[in-house]
ModelCIF file with pLDDT and N, C-alpha, C, O atoms, coordinates in Angstrom:
data_MODEL
#
_entry.id   MODEL 
#
_entity.id                         1 
_entity.type                       polymer 
_entity.pdbx_number_of_molecules   1 
#
_entity_poly.entity_id                      1 
_entity_poly.type                           'polypeptide(L)' 
_entity_poly.nstd_linkage                   no 
_entity_poly.nstd_monomer                   no 
_entity_poly.pdbx_seq_one_letter_code       DRMPYLPLTLSLDGQSLSTEGLLDTGASVNVLPYELGTQLGLIWENE 
_entity_poly.pdbx_seq_one_letter_code_can   DRMPYLPLTLSLDGQSLSTEGLLDTGASVNVLPYELGTQLGLIWENE 
_entity_poly.pdbx_strand_id                 A 
#
loop_
_entity_poly_seq.entity_id 
_entity_poly_seq.num 
_entity_poly_seq.mon_id 
_entity_poly_seq.hetero 
1 1  ASP n 
1 2  ARG n 
1 3  MET n 
1 4  PRO n 
1 5  TYR n 
1 6  LEU n 
1 7  PRO n 
1 8  LEU n 
1 9  THR n 
1 10 LEU n 
1 11 SER n 
1 12 LEU n 
1 13 ASP n 
1 14 GLY n 
1 15 GLN n 
1 16 SER n 
1 17 LEU n 
1 18 SER n 
1 19 THR n 
1 20 GLU n 
1 21 GLY n 
1 22 LEU n 
1 23 LEU n 
1 24 ASP n 
1 25 THR n 
1 26 GLY n 
1 27 ALA n 
1 28 SER n 
1 29 VAL n 
1 30 ASN n 
1 31 VAL n 
1 32 LEU n 
1 33 PRO n 
1 34 TYR n 
1 35 GLU n 
1 36 LEU n 
1 37 GLY n 
1 38 THR n 
1 39 GLN n 
1 40 LEU n 
1 41 GLY n 
1 42 LEU n 
1 43 ILE n 
1 44 TRP n 
1 45 GLU n 
1 46 ASN n 
1 47 GLU n 
#
_struct_asym.id          A 
_struct_asym.entity_id   1 
#
loop_
_ma_qa_metric.id 
_ma_qa_metric.mode 
_ma_qa_metric.name 
_ma_qa_metric.software_group_id 
_ma_qa_metric.type 
1 global pLDDT . pLDDT 
2 local  pLDDT . pLDDT 
#
_ma_qa_metric_global.metric_id      1 
_ma_qa_metric_global.metric_value   95.51 
_ma_qa_metric_global.model_id       1 
_ma_qa_metric_global.ordinal_id     1 
#
loop_
_ma_qa_metric_local.label_asym_id 
_ma_qa_metric_local.label_comp_id 
_ma_qa_metric_local.label_seq_id 
_ma_qa_metric_local.metric_id 
_ma_qa_metric_local.metric_value 
_ma_qa_metric_local.model_id 
_ma_qa_metric_local.ordinal_id 
A ASP 1  2 63.00 1 1  
A ARG 2  2 78.00 1 2  
A MET 3  2 89.00 1 3  
A PRO 4  2 94.00 1 4  
A TYR 5  2 95.00 1 5  
A LEU 6  2 97.00 1 6  
A PRO 7  2 97.00 1 7  
A LEU 8  2 98.00 1 8  
A THR 9  2 98.00 1 9  
A LEU 10 2 98.00 1 10 
A SER 11 2 98.00 1 11 
A LEU 12 2 97.00 1 12 
A ASP 13 2 95.00 1 13 
A GLY 14 2 94.00 1 14 
A GLN 15 2 96.00 1 15 
A SER 16 2 97.00 1 16 
A LEU 17 2 97.00 1 17 
A SER 18 2 98.00 1 18 
A THR 19 2 98.00 1 19 
A GLU 20 2 97.00 1 20 
A GLY 21 2 97.00 1 21 
A LEU 22 2 97.00 1 22 
A LEU 23 2 97.00 1 23 
A ASP 24 2 96.00 1 24 
A THR 25 2 94.00 1 25 
A GLY 26 2 93.00 1 26 
A ALA 27 2 95.00 1 27 
A SER 28 2 95.00 1 28 
A VAL 29 2 97.00 1 29 
A ASN 30 2 98.00 1 30 
A VAL 31 2 98.00 1 31 
A LEU 32 2 98.00 1 32 
A PRO 33 2 98.00 1 33 
A TYR 34 2 97.00 1 34 
A GLU 35 2 97.00 1 35 
A LEU 36 2 97.00 1 36 
A GLY 37 2 98.00 1 37 
A THR 38 2 97.00 1 38 
A GLN 39 2 97.00 1 39 
A LEU 40 2 98.00 1 40 
A GLY 41 2 97.00 1 41 
A LEU 42 2 98.00 1 42 
A ILE 43 2 98.00 1 43 
A TRP 44 2 97.00 1 44 
A GLU 45 2 97.00 1 45 
A ASN 46 2 97.00 1 46 
A GLU 47 2 97.00 1 47 
#
loop_
_atom_site.group_PDB 
_atom_site.id 
_atom_site.type_symbol 
_atom_site.label_atom_id 
_atom_site.label_alt_id 
_atom_site.label_comp_id 
_atom_site.label_asym_id 
_atom_site.label_entity_id 
_atom_site.label_seq_id 
_atom_site.pdbx_PDB_ins_code 
_atom_site.Cartn_x 
_atom_site.Cartn_y 
_atom_site.Cartn_z 
_atom_site.occupancy 
_atom_site.B_iso_or_equiv 
_atom_site.pdbx_formal_charge 
_atom_site.auth_seq_id 
_atom_site.auth_comp_id 
_atom_site.auth_asym_id 
_atom_site.auth_atom_id 
_atom_site.pdbx_PDB_model_num 
ATOM 1   N N  . ASP A 1 1  ? -2.922  -22.501 -2.272  1.00 63.00 ? 1  ASP A N  1 
ATOM 2   C CA . ASP A 1 1  ? -1.520  -22.103 -2.318  1.00 63.00 ? 1  ASP A CA 1 
ATOM 3   C C  . ASP A 1 1  ? -0.939  -22.198 -3.712  1.00 63.00 ? 1  ASP A C  1 
ATOM 4   O O  . ASP A 1 1  ? 0.175   -21.731 -3.947  1.00 63.00 ? 1  ASP A O  1 
ATOM 5   N N  . ARG A 1 2  ? -1.669  -22.793 -4.643  1.00 78.00 ? 2  ARG A N  1 
ATOM 6   C CA . ARG A 1 2  ? -1.202  -22.908 -6.020  1.00 78.00 ? 2  ARG A CA 1 
ATOM 7   C C  . ARG A 1 2  ? -1.823  -21.848 -6.924  1.00 78.00 ? 2  ARG A C  1 
ATOM 8   O O  . ARG A 1 2  ? -1.650  -21.884 -8.142  1.00 78.00 ? 2  ARG A O  1 
ATOM 9   N N  . MET A 1 3  ? -2.538  -20.917 -6.330  1.00 89.00 ? 3  MET A N  1 
ATOM 10  C CA . MET A 1 3  ? -3.152  -19.856 -7.111  1.00 89.00 ? 3  MET A CA 1 
ATOM 11  C C  . MET A 1 3  ? -2.063  -18.916 -7.630  1.00 89.00 ? 3  MET A C  1 
ATOM 12  O O  . MET A 1 3  ? -1.024  -18.753 -6.991  1.00 89.00 ? 3  MET A O  1 
ATOM 13  N N  . PRO A 1 4  ? -2.305  -18.297 -8.792  1.00 94.00 ? 4  PRO A N  1 
ATOM 14  C CA . PRO A 1 4  ? -1.267  -17.442 -9.390  1.00 94.00 ? 4  PRO A CA 1 
ATOM 15  C C  . PRO A 1 4  ? -1.209  -16.042 -8.772  1.00 94.00 ? 4  PRO A C  1 
ATOM 16  O O  . PRO A 1 4  ? -1.936  -15.139 -9.187  1.00 94.00 ? 4  PRO A O  1 
ATOM 17  N N  . TYR A 1 5  ? -0.342  -15.876 -7.783  1.00 95.00 ? 5  TYR A N  1 
ATOM 18  C CA . TYR A 1 5  ? -0.134  -14.580 -7.150  1.00 95.00 ? 5  TYR A CA 1 
ATOM 19  C C  . TYR A 1 5  ? 1.128   -13.937 -7.710  1.00 95.00 ? 5  TYR A C  1 
ATOM 20  O O  . TYR A 1 5  ? 2.158   -14.594 -7.864  1.00 95.00 ? 5  TYR A O  1 
ATOM 21  N N  . LEU A 1 6  ? 1.034   -12.649 -8.010  1.00 97.00 ? 6  LEU A N  1 
ATOM 22  C CA . LEU A 1 6  ? 2.137   -11.897 -8.598  1.00 97.00 ? 6  LEU A CA 1 
ATOM 23  C C  . LEU A 1 6  ? 2.609   -10.823 -7.627  1.00 97.00 ? 6  LEU A C  1 
ATOM 24  O O  . LEU A 1 6  ? 1.808   -9.988  -7.205  1.00 97.00 ? 6  LEU A O  1 
ATOM 25  N N  . PRO A 1 7  ? 3.900   -10.823 -7.258  1.00 97.00 ? 7  PRO A N  1 
ATOM 26  C CA . PRO A 1 7  ? 4.410   -9.741  -6.419  1.00 97.00 ? 7  PRO A CA 1 
ATOM 27  C C  . PRO A 1 7  ? 4.485   -8.448  -7.237  1.00 97.00 ? 7  PRO A C  1 
ATOM 28  O O  . PRO A 1 7  ? 4.883   -8.464  -8.402  1.00 97.00 ? 7  PRO A O  1 
ATOM 29  N N  . LEU A 1 8  ? 4.101   -7.335  -6.616  1.00 98.00 ? 8  LEU A N  1 
ATOM 30  C CA . LEU A 1 8  ? 4.175   -6.036  -7.269  1.00 98.00 ? 8  LEU A CA 1 
ATOM 31  C C  . LEU A 1 8  ? 4.241   -4.945  -6.213  1.00 98.00 ? 8  LEU A C  1 
ATOM 32  O O  . LEU A 1 8  ? 3.943   -5.172  -5.040  1.00 98.00 ? 8  LEU A O  1 
ATOM 33  N N  . THR A 1 9  ? 4.635   -3.765  -6.649  1.00 98.00 ? 9  THR A N  1 
ATOM 34  C CA . THR A 1 9  ? 4.685   -2.610  -5.758  1.00 98.00 ? 9  THR A CA 1 
ATOM 35  C C  . THR A 1 9  ? 3.699   -1.578  -6.264  1.00 98.00 ? 9  THR A C  1 
ATOM 36  O O  . THR A 1 9  ? 3.722   -1.210  -7.439  1.00 98.00 ? 9  THR A O  1 
ATOM 37  N N  . LEU A 1 10 ? 2.837   -1.114  -5.382  1.00 98.00 ? 10 LEU A N  1 
ATOM 38  C CA . LEU A 1 10 ? 1.876   -0.066  -5.702  1.00 98.00 ? 10 LEU A CA 1 
ATOM 39  C C  . LEU A 1 10 ? 2.366   1.239   -5.098  1.00 98.00 ? 10 LEU A C  1 
ATOM 40  O O  . LEU A 1 10 ? 2.899   1.252   -3.989  1.00 98.00 ? 10 LEU A O  1 
ATOM 41  N N  . SER A 1 11 ? 2.186   2.342   -5.827  1.00 98.00 ? 11 SER A N  1 
ATOM 42  C CA . SER A 1 11 ? 2.623   3.645   -5.346  1.00 98.00 ? 11 SER A CA 1 
ATOM 43  C C  . SER A 1 11 ? 1.557   4.687   -5.638  1.00 98.00 ? 11 SER A C  1 
ATOM 44  O O  . SER A 1 11 ? 0.866   4.639   -6.656  1.00 98.00 ? 11 SER A O  1 
ATOM 45  N N  . LEU A 1 12 ? 1.445   5.635   -4.707  1.00 97.00 ? 12 LEU A N  1 
ATOM 46  C CA . LEU A 1 12 ? 0.498   6.733   -4.874  1.00 97.00 ? 12 LEU A CA 1 
ATOM 47  C C  . LEU A 1 12 ? 0.962   7.898   -4.009  1.00 97.00 ? 12 LEU A C  1 
ATOM 48  O O  . LEU A 1 12 ? 1.096   7.760   -2.793  1.00 97.00 ? 12 LEU A O  1 
ATOM 49  N N  . ASP A 1 13 ? 1.204   9.033   -4.629  1.00 95.00 ? 13 ASP A N  1 
ATOM 50  C CA . ASP A 1 13 ? 1.560   10.260  -3.911  1.00 95.00 ? 13 ASP A CA 1 
ATOM 51  C C  . ASP A 1 13 ? 2.671   10.051  -2.888  1.00 95.00 ? 13 ASP A C  1 
ATOM 52  O O  . ASP A 1 13 ? 2.564   10.503  -1.747  1.00 95.00 ? 13 ASP A O  1 
ATOM 53  N N  . GLY A 1 14 ? 3.734   9.369   -3.297  1.00 94.00 ? 14 GLY A N  1 
ATOM 54  C CA . GLY A 1 14 ? 4.887   9.171   -2.420  1.00 94.00 ? 14 GLY A CA 1 
ATOM 55  C C  . GLY A 1 14 ? 4.802   7.987   -1.482  1.00 94.00 ? 14 GLY A C  1 
ATOM 56  O O  . GLY A 1 14 ? 5.798   7.639   -0.847  1.00 94.00 ? 14 GLY A O  1 
ATOM 57  N N  . GLN A 1 15 ? 3.650   7.359   -1.377  1.00 96.00 ? 15 GLN A N  1 
ATOM 58  C CA . GLN A 1 15 ? 3.492   6.149   -0.553  1.00 96.00 ? 15 GLN A CA 1 
ATOM 59  C C  . GLN A 1 15 ? 3.717   4.928   -1.436  1.00 96.00 ? 15 GLN A C  1 
ATOM 60  O O  . GLN A 1 15 ? 3.202   4.883   -2.553  1.00 96.00 ? 15 GLN A O  1 
ATOM 61  N N  . SER A 1 16 ? 4.465   3.945   -0.970  1.00 97.00 ? 16 SER A N  1 
ATOM 62  C CA . SER A 1 16 ? 4.674   2.696   -1.705  1.00 97.00 ? 16 SER A CA 1 
ATOM 63  C C  . SER A 1 16 ? 4.324   1.514   -0.828  1.00 97.00 ? 16 SER A C  1 
ATOM 64  O O  . SER A 1 16 ? 4.461   1.558   0.395   1.00 97.00 ? 16 SER A O  1 
ATOM 65  N N  . LEU A 1 17 ? 3.872   0.459   -1.476  1.00 97.00 ? 17 LEU A N  1 
ATOM 66  C CA . LEU A 1 17 ? 3.438   -0.728  -0.758  1.00 97.00 ? 17 LEU A CA 1 
ATOM 67  C C  . LEU A 1 17 ? 3.772   -1.959  -1.581  1.00 97.00 ? 17 LEU A C  1 
ATOM 68  O O  . LEU A 1 17 ? 3.308   -2.096  -2.713  1.00 97.00 ? 17 LEU A O  1 
ATOM 69  N N  . SER A 1 18 ? 4.575   -2.859  -1.020  1.00 98.00 ? 18 SER A N  1 
ATOM 70  C CA . SER A 1 18 ? 4.863   -4.133  -1.680  1.00 98.00 ? 18 SER A CA 1 
ATOM 71  C C  . SER A 1 18 ? 3.777   -5.115  -1.296  1.00 98.00 ? 18 SER A C  1 
ATOM 72  O O  . SER A 1 18 ? 3.452   -5.262  -0.118  1.00 98.00 ? 18 SER A O  1 
ATOM 73  N N  . THR A 1 19 ? 3.209   -5.793  -2.294  1.00 98.00 ? 19 THR A N  1 
ATOM 74  C CA . THR A 1 19 ? 2.088   -6.694  -2.048  1.00 98.00 ? 19 THR A CA 1 
ATOM 75  C C  . THR A 1 19 ? 2.070   -7.787  -3.105  1.00 98.00 ? 19 THR A C  1 
ATOM 76  O O  . THR A 1 19 ? 3.008   -7.915  -3.891  1.00 98.00 ? 19 THR A O  1 
ATOM 77  N N  . GLU A 1 20 ? 1.006   -8.569  -3.122  1.00 97.00 ? 20 GLU A N  1 
ATOM 78  C CA . GLU A 1 20 ? 0.787   -9.599  -4.137  1.00 97.00 ? 20 GLU A CA 1 
ATOM 79  C C  . GLU A 1 20 ? -0.614  -9.440  -4.682  1.00 97.00 ? 20 GLU A C  1 
ATOM 80  O O  . GLU A 1 20 ? -1.538  -9.077  -3.955  1.00 97.00 ? 20 GLU A O  1 
ATOM 81  N N  . GLY A 1 21 ? -0.768  -9.714  -5.976  1.00 97.00 ? 21 GLY A N  1 
ATOM 82  C CA . GLY A 1 21 ? -2.080  -9.673  -6.590  1.00 97.00 ? 21 GLY A CA 1 
ATOM 83  C C  . GLY A 1 21 ? -2.413  -11.012 -7.210  1.00 97.00 ? 21 GLY A C  1 
ATOM 84  O O  . GLY A 1 21 ? -1.552  -11.672 -7.791  1.00 97.00 ? 21 GLY A O  1 
ATOM 85  N N  . LEU A 1 22 ? -3.658  -11.405 -7.083  1.00 97.00 ? 22 LEU A N  1 
ATOM 86  C CA . LEU A 1 22 ? -4.146  -12.640 -7.685  1.00 97.00 ? 22 LEU A CA 1 
ATOM 87  C C  . LEU A 1 22 ? -4.436  -12.378 -9.160  1.00 97.00 ? 22 LEU A C  1 
ATOM 88  O O  . LEU A 1 22 ? -5.252  -11.516 -9.485  1.00 97.00 ? 22 LEU A O  1 
ATOM 89  N N  . LEU A 1 23 ? -3.782  -13.105 -10.047 1.00 97.00 ? 23 LEU A N  1 
ATOM 90  C CA . LEU A 1 23 ? -4.052  -13.001 -11.479 1.00 97.00 ? 23 LEU A CA 1 
ATOM 91  C C  . LEU A 1 23 ? -5.354  -13.724 -11.758 1.00 97.00 ? 23 LEU A C  1 
ATOM 92  O O  . LEU A 1 23 ? -5.432  -14.945 -11.619 1.00 97.00 ? 23 LEU A O  1 
ATOM 93  N N  . ASP A 1 24 ? -6.382  -12.975 -12.150 1.00 96.00 ? 24 ASP A N  1 
ATOM 94  C CA . ASP A 1 24 ? -7.719  -13.543 -12.310 1.00 96.00 ? 24 ASP A CA 1 
ATOM 95  C C  . ASP A 1 24 ? -8.284  -13.171 -13.681 1.00 96.00 ? 24 ASP A C  1 
ATOM 96  O O  . ASP A 1 24 ? -8.833  -12.083 -13.859 1.00 96.00 ? 24 ASP A O  1 
ATOM 97  N N  . THR A 1 25 ? -8.147  -14.073 -14.639 1.00 94.00 ? 25 THR A N  1 
ATOM 98  C CA . THR A 1 25 ? -8.636  -13.799 -15.997 1.00 94.00 ? 25 THR A CA 1 
ATOM 99  C C  . THR A 1 25 ? -10.153 -13.714 -16.047 1.00 94.00 ? 25 THR A C  1 
ATOM 100 O O  . THR A 1 25 ? -10.705 -13.204 -17.022 1.00 94.00 ? 25 THR A O  1 
ATOM 101 N N  . GLY A 1 26 ? -10.836 -14.198 -15.025 1.00 93.00 ? 26 GLY A N  1 
ATOM 102 C CA . GLY A 1 26 ? -12.291 -14.128 -14.983 1.00 93.00 ? 26 GLY A CA 1 
ATOM 103 C C  . GLY A 1 26 ? -12.823 -12.849 -14.359 1.00 93.00 ? 26 GLY A C  1 
ATOM 104 O O  . GLY A 1 26 ? -14.027 -12.593 -14.391 1.00 93.00 ? 26 GLY A O  1 
ATOM 105 N N  . ALA A 1 27 ? -11.933 -12.045 -13.791 1.00 95.00 ? 27 ALA A N  1 
ATOM 106 C CA . ALA A 1 27 ? -12.352 -10.778 -13.177 1.00 95.00 ? 27 ALA A CA 1 
ATOM 107 C C  . ALA A 1 27 ? -12.395 -9.689  -14.245 1.00 95.00 ? 27 ALA A C  1 
ATOM 108 O O  . ALA A 1 27 ? -11.445 -9.521  -15.009 1.00 95.00 ? 27 ALA A O  1 
ATOM 109 N N  . SER A 1 28 ? -13.488 -8.960  -14.292 1.00 95.00 ? 28 SER A N  1 
ATOM 110 C CA . SER A 1 28 ? -13.621 -7.878  -15.270 1.00 95.00 ? 28 SER A CA 1 
ATOM 111 C C  . SER A 1 28 ? -12.704 -6.708  -14.955 1.00 95.00 ? 28 SER A C  1 
ATOM 112 O O  . SER A 1 28 ? -12.187 -6.058  -15.864 1.00 95.00 ? 28 SER A O  1 
ATOM 113 N N  . VAL A 1 29 ? -12.498 -6.436  -13.668 1.00 97.00 ? 29 VAL A N  1 
ATOM 114 C CA . VAL A 1 29 ? -11.712 -5.273  -13.245 1.00 97.00 ? 29 VAL A CA 1 
ATOM 115 C C  . VAL A 1 29 ? -10.704 -5.663  -12.180 1.00 97.00 ? 29 VAL A C  1 
ATOM 116 O O  . VAL A 1 29 ? -10.807 -6.717  -11.552 1.00 97.00 ? 29 VAL A O  1 
ATOM 117 N N  . ASN A 1 30 ? -9.728  -4.788  -11.992 1.00 98.00 ? 30 ASN A N  1 
ATOM 118 C CA . ASN A 1 30 ? -8.803  -4.917  -10.861 1.00 98.00 ? 30 ASN A CA 1 
ATOM 119 C C  . ASN A 1 30 ? -9.550  -4.509  -9.598  1.00 98.00 ? 30 ASN A C  1 
ATOM 120 O O  . ASN A 1 30 ? -10.374 -3.595  -9.626  1.00 98.00 ? 30 ASN A O  1 
ATOM 121 N N  . VAL A 1 31 ? -9.263  -5.187  -8.495  1.00 98.00 ? 31 VAL A N  1 
ATOM 122 C CA . VAL A 1 31 ? -9.924  -4.876  -7.223  1.00 98.00 ? 31 VAL A CA 1 
ATOM 123 C C  . VAL A 1 31 ? -8.861  -4.627  -6.162  1.00 98.00 ? 31 VAL A C  1 
ATOM 124 O O  . VAL A 1 31 ? -7.953  -5.433  -5.959  1.00 98.00 ? 31 VAL A O  1 
ATOM 125 N N  . LEU A 1 32 ? -9.001  -3.481  -5.489  1.00 98.00 ? 32 LEU A N  1 
ATOM 126 C CA . LEU A 1 32 ? -8.094  -3.094  -4.421  1.00 98.00 ? 32 LEU A CA 1 
ATOM 127 C C  . LEU A 1 32 ? -8.829  -3.211  -3.091  1.00 98.00 ? 32 LEU A C  1 
ATOM 128 O O  . LEU A 1 32 ? -9.825  -2.519  -2.882  1.00 98.00 ? 32 LEU A O  1 
ATOM 129 N N  . PRO A 1 33 ? -8.357  -4.077  -2.178  1.00 98.00 ? 33 PRO A N  1 
ATOM 130 C CA . PRO A 1 33 ? -8.995  -4.180  -0.864  1.00 98.00 ? 33 PRO A CA 1 
ATOM 131 C C  . PRO A 1 33 ? -8.911  -2.866  -0.092  1.00 98.00 ? 33 PRO A C  1 
ATOM 132 O O  . PRO A 1 33 ? -7.985  -2.080  -0.287  1.00 98.00 ? 33 PRO A O  1 
ATOM 133 N N  . TYR A 1 34 ? -9.866  -2.642  0.766   1.00 97.00 ? 34 TYR A N  1 
ATOM 134 C CA . TYR A 1 34 ? -9.970  -1.396  1.510   1.00 97.00 ? 34 TYR A CA 1 
ATOM 135 C C  . TYR A 1 34 ? -8.682  -1.053  2.265   1.00 97.00 ? 34 TYR A C  1 
ATOM 136 O O  . TYR A 1 34 ? -8.203  0.078   2.183   1.00 97.00 ? 34 TYR A O  1 
ATOM 137 N N  . GLU A 1 35 ? -8.120  -2.017  2.999   1.00 97.00 ? 35 GLU A N  1 
ATOM 138 C CA . GLU A 1 35 ? -6.934  -1.757  3.813   1.00 97.00 ? 35 GLU A CA 1 
ATOM 139 C C  . GLU A 1 35 ? -5.755  -1.302  2.974   1.00 97.00 ? 35 GLU A C  1 
ATOM 140 O O  . GLU A 1 35 ? -5.024  -0.397  3.376   1.00 97.00 ? 35 GLU A O  1 
ATOM 141 N N  . LEU A 1 36 ? -5.557  -1.912  1.815   1.00 97.00 ? 36 LEU A N  1 
ATOM 142 C CA . LEU A 1 36 ? -4.429  -1.519  0.976   1.00 97.00 ? 36 LEU A CA 1 
ATOM 143 C C  . LEU A 1 36 ? -4.606  -0.088  0.475   1.00 97.00 ? 36 LEU A C  1 
ATOM 144 O O  . LEU A 1 36 ? -3.638  0.668   0.389   1.00 97.00 ? 36 LEU A O  1 
ATOM 145 N N  . GLY A 1 37 ? -5.825  0.274   0.150   1.00 98.00 ? 37 GLY A N  1 
ATOM 146 C CA . GLY A 1 37 ? -6.089  1.646   -0.273  1.00 98.00 ? 37 GLY A CA 1 
ATOM 147 C C  . GLY A 1 37 ? -5.760  2.652   0.808   1.00 98.00 ? 37 GLY A C  1 
ATOM 148 O O  . GLY A 1 37 ? -5.153  3.689   0.539   1.00 98.00 ? 37 GLY A O  1 
ATOM 149 N N  . THR A 1 38 ? -6.160  2.346   2.032   1.00 97.00 ? 38 THR A N  1 
ATOM 150 C CA . THR A 1 38 ? -5.869  3.281   3.126   1.00 97.00 ? 38 THR A CA 1 
ATOM 151 C C  . THR A 1 38 ? -4.369  3.335   3.401   1.00 97.00 ? 38 THR A C  1 
ATOM 152 O O  . THR A 1 38 ? -3.848  4.398   3.740   1.00 97.00 ? 38 THR A O  1 
ATOM 153 N N  . GLN A 1 39 ? -3.664  2.211   3.261   1.00 97.00 ? 39 GLN A N  1 
ATOM 154 C CA . GLN A 1 39 ? -2.210  2.207   3.443   1.00 97.00 ? 39 GLN A CA 1 
ATOM 155 C C  . GLN A 1 39 ? -1.509  3.063   2.392   1.00 97.00 ? 39 GLN A C  1 
ATOM 156 O O  . GLN A 1 39 ? -0.429  3.598   2.645   1.00 97.00 ? 39 GLN A O  1 
ATOM 157 N N  . LEU A 1 40 ? -2.116  3.192   1.222   1.00 98.00 ? 40 LEU A N  1 
ATOM 158 C CA . LEU A 1 40 ? -1.564  4.045   0.168   1.00 98.00 ? 40 LEU A CA 1 
ATOM 159 C C  . LEU A 1 40 ? -1.953  5.514   0.348   1.00 98.00 ? 40 LEU A C  1 
ATOM 160 O O  . LEU A 1 40 ? -1.521  6.374   -0.420  1.00 98.00 ? 40 LEU A O  1 
ATOM 161 N N  . GLY A 1 41 ? -2.760  5.792   1.353   1.00 97.00 ? 41 GLY A N  1 
ATOM 162 C CA . GLY A 1 41 ? -3.153  7.163   1.632   1.00 97.00 ? 41 GLY A CA 1 
ATOM 163 C C  . GLY A 1 41 ? -4.478  7.582   1.020   1.00 97.00 ? 41 GLY A C  1 
ATOM 164 O O  . GLY A 1 41 ? -4.844  8.755   1.092   1.00 97.00 ? 41 GLY A O  1 
ATOM 165 N N  . LEU A 1 42 ? -5.201  6.649   0.423   1.00 98.00 ? 42 LEU A N  1 
ATOM 166 C CA . LEU A 1 42 ? -6.508  6.981   -0.129  1.00 98.00 ? 42 LEU A CA 1 
ATOM 167 C C  . LEU A 1 42 ? -7.501  7.275   0.997   1.00 98.00 ? 42 LEU A C  1 
ATOM 168 O O  . LEU A 1 42 ? -7.460  6.656   2.060   1.00 98.00 ? 42 LEU A O  1 
ATOM 169 N N  . ILE A 1 43 ? -8.382  8.221   0.743   1.00 98.00 ? 43 ILE A N  1 
ATOM 170 C CA . ILE A 1 43 ? -9.431  8.572   1.700   1.00 98.00 ? 43 ILE A CA 1 
ATOM 171 C C  . ILE A 1 43 ? -10.766 8.315   1.019   1.00 98.00 ? 43 ILE A C  1 
ATOM 172 O O  . ILE A 1 43 ? -11.083 8.929   0.000   1.00 98.00 ? 43 ILE A O  1 
ATOM 173 N N  . TRP A 1 44 ? -11.542 7.408   1.586   1.00 97.00 ? 44 TRP A N  1 
ATOM 174 C CA . TRP A 1 44 ? -12.790 6.946   0.965   1.00 97.00 ? 44 TRP A CA 1 
ATOM 175 C C  . TRP A 1 44 ? -13.686 8.112   0.538   1.00 97.00 ? 44 TRP A C  1 
ATOM 176 O O  . TRP A 1 44 ? -14.203 8.124   -0.579  1.00 97.00 ? 44 TRP A O  1 
ATOM 177 N N  . GLU A 1 45 ? -13.863 9.073   1.413   1.00 97.00 ? 45 GLU A N  1 
ATOM 178 C CA . GLU A 1 45 ? -14.771 10.192  1.144   1.00 97.00 ? 45 GLU A CA 1 
ATOM 179 C C  . GLU A 1 45 ? -14.298 11.087  -0.003  1.00 97.00 ? 45 GLU A C  1 
ATOM 180 O O  . GLU A 1 45 ? -15.104 11.798  -0.602  1.00 97.00 ? 45 GLU A O  1 
ATOM 181 N N  . ASN A 1 46 ? -13.009 11.059  -0.311  1.00 97.00 ? 46 ASN A N  1 
ATOM 182 C CA . ASN A 1 46 ? -12.468 11.883  -1.396  1.00 97.00 ? 46 ASN A CA 1 
ATOM 183 C C  . ASN A 1 46 ? -12.632 11.244  -2.771  1.00 97.00 ? 46 ASN A C  1 
ATOM 184 O O  . ASN A 1 46 ? -12.530 11.928  -3.789  1.00 97.00 ? 46 ASN A O  1 
ATOM 185 N N  . GLU A 1 47 ? -12.883 9.945   -2.805  1.00 97.00 ? 47 GLU A N  1 
ATOM 186 C CA . GLU A 1 47 ? -13.032 9.229   -4.083  1.00 97.00 ? 47 GLU A CA 1 
ATOM 187 C C  . GLU A 1 47 ? -14.522 9.131   -4.386  1.00 97.00 ? 47 GLU A C  1 
ATOM 188 O O  . GLU A 1 47 ? -14.908 8.570   -5.411  1.00 97.00 ? 47 GLU A O  1 
#
């Protein structure tokens, strides 16, 4: 519960989603969980 989570809003093609992201200086890249991507309207087969 003491981990550094940052509130932010993600948007894509008119869809918006309020969420939190874990600030991870050890992570090489940003990672988007599958469910959040689908909520933003992403389609796995199109990417």
